N, C-alpha and C. Protein backbone atom coordinates (compact mmCIF):
# COMPACT_ATOMS: atom_id res chain seq x y z
N UNK A 1 8.59 -3.17 0.26
CA UNK A 1 8.75 -2.38 -0.99
C UNK A 1 8.76 -2.70 -2.15
N UNK A 2 9.55 -3.91 -2.37
CA UNK A 2 9.29 -4.90 -3.33
C UNK A 2 8.16 -5.29 -3.80
N UNK A 3 7.30 -5.88 -2.44
CA UNK A 3 5.83 -6.62 -2.79
C UNK A 3 5.15 -5.48 -3.40
N UNK A 4 5.38 -4.05 -2.86
CA UNK A 4 4.36 -3.12 -3.56
C UNK A 4 4.62 -3.01 -5.19
N UNK A 5 6.16 -2.85 -5.45
CA UNK A 5 6.44 -3.02 -6.98
C UNK A 5 5.93 -4.14 -7.71
N UNK A 6 6.04 -5.54 -6.87
CA UNK A 6 5.43 -6.54 -7.65
C UNK A 6 3.91 -6.44 -7.73
N UNK A 7 3.24 -5.60 -7.03
CA UNK A 7 1.94 -5.50 -7.35
C UNK A 7 1.27 -4.65 -8.43
N UNK A 8 2.35 -3.41 -8.32
CA UNK A 8 2.23 -2.51 -9.58
C UNK A 8 2.60 -3.36 -10.75
N UNK A 9 3.71 -4.08 -11.00
CA UNK A 9 3.75 -4.85 -12.00
C UNK A 9 2.82 -5.64 -12.63
N UNK A 10 1.98 -6.27 -11.87
CA UNK A 10 1.00 -7.34 -12.07
C UNK A 10 -0.21 -6.63 -12.82
N UNK A 11 -0.11 -5.21 -12.66
CA UNK A 11 -1.49 -4.39 -13.27
C UNK A 11 -1.07 -4.35 -14.65
N UNK A 12 -0.01 -4.37 -15.35
CA UNK A 12 0.47 -4.23 -16.75
C UNK A 12 -0.07 -5.12 -17.58
N UNK A 13 -0.80 -4.88 -18.68
CA UNK A 13 -1.47 -5.71 -19.27
C UNK A 13 -0.32 -5.99 -20.56
N UNK A 14 0.60 -5.29 -20.82
CA UNK A 14 1.30 -5.84 -22.12
C UNK A 14 2.94 -5.56 -21.63
N UNK A 15 3.56 -6.52 -22.49
CA UNK A 15 5.12 -6.34 -22.00
C UNK A 15 5.67 -5.04 -22.06
N UNK A 16 5.08 -4.45 -23.32
CA UNK A 16 5.62 -2.69 -23.49
C UNK A 16 5.59 -1.93 -22.25
N UNK A 17 4.39 -1.86 -21.62
CA UNK A 17 4.10 -1.14 -20.33
C UNK A 17 5.26 -1.59 -19.30
N UNK A 18 5.27 -2.81 -19.21
CA UNK A 18 6.18 -3.42 -18.18
C UNK A 18 7.71 -3.08 -18.60
N UNK A 19 8.25 -2.96 -19.61
CA UNK A 19 9.43 -2.60 -20.07
C UNK A 19 9.54 -1.19 -19.82
N UNK A 20 8.64 -0.22 -20.08
CA UNK A 20 8.67 1.03 -20.01
C UNK A 20 8.69 1.30 -18.57
N UNK A 21 8.11 0.89 -17.49
CA UNK A 21 8.15 0.92 -16.23
C UNK A 21 9.24 0.36 -15.75
N UNK A 22 10.08 -0.83 -16.08
CA UNK A 22 10.97 -1.04 -15.64
C UNK A 22 12.23 -0.10 -16.03
N UNK A 23 12.34 0.47 -17.16
CA UNK A 23 13.65 1.16 -17.54
C UNK A 23 13.19 2.50 -16.52
N UNK A 24 12.40 2.91 -16.28
CA UNK A 24 12.07 4.22 -15.73
C UNK A 24 12.64 3.91 -14.06
N UNK A 25 12.00 2.76 -13.61
CA UNK A 25 12.41 2.41 -12.16
C UNK A 25 14.04 2.36 -12.07
N UNK A 26 14.54 1.79 -13.20
CA UNK A 26 16.05 1.44 -13.12
C UNK A 26 16.71 2.79 -13.18
N UNK A 27 16.25 3.88 -13.97
CA UNK A 27 16.82 5.14 -14.47
C UNK A 27 16.82 5.99 -13.00
N UNK A 28 15.36 6.08 -12.56
CA UNK A 28 15.29 6.65 -11.23
C UNK A 28 16.37 6.05 -10.26
N UNK A 29 16.43 4.83 -10.11
CA UNK A 29 17.70 4.04 -9.11
C UNK A 29 18.70 4.63 -9.23
N UNK A 30 19.53 4.81 -10.51
CA UNK A 30 20.55 4.95 -10.94
C UNK A 30 21.10 6.41 -10.29
N UNK A 31 19.84 7.44 -10.87
CA UNK A 31 19.83 8.84 -10.29
C UNK A 31 20.13 8.95 -9.10
N UNK A 32 19.39 8.04 -8.00
CA UNK A 32 19.25 8.29 -6.60
C UNK A 32 20.79 7.81 -6.11
N UNK A 33 21.37 6.73 -6.86
CA UNK A 33 22.71 6.06 -6.32
C UNK A 33 23.93 7.06 -6.75
N UNK A 34 23.61 7.99 -7.63
CA UNK A 34 24.65 8.72 -8.05
C UNK A 34 24.63 9.86 -7.16
N UNK A 35 23.27 10.52 -6.65
CA UNK A 35 23.50 11.48 -5.71
C UNK A 35 23.98 10.86 -4.52
N UNK A 36 23.89 9.77 -4.10
CA UNK A 36 24.24 9.33 -2.79
C UNK A 36 25.93 9.10 -2.68
N UNK A 37 26.34 8.74 -3.78
CA UNK A 37 27.78 8.70 -4.13
C UNK A 37 28.62 9.81 -3.69
């Protein structure tokens, strides 16, 4: 799963795109953790 995410990150050409994707992933992970808690 981590390797797949790494491959996706390599496709981004700008830091802005990378930061937006990172923020989206972290937000999704946080929501999933809250649902599991």
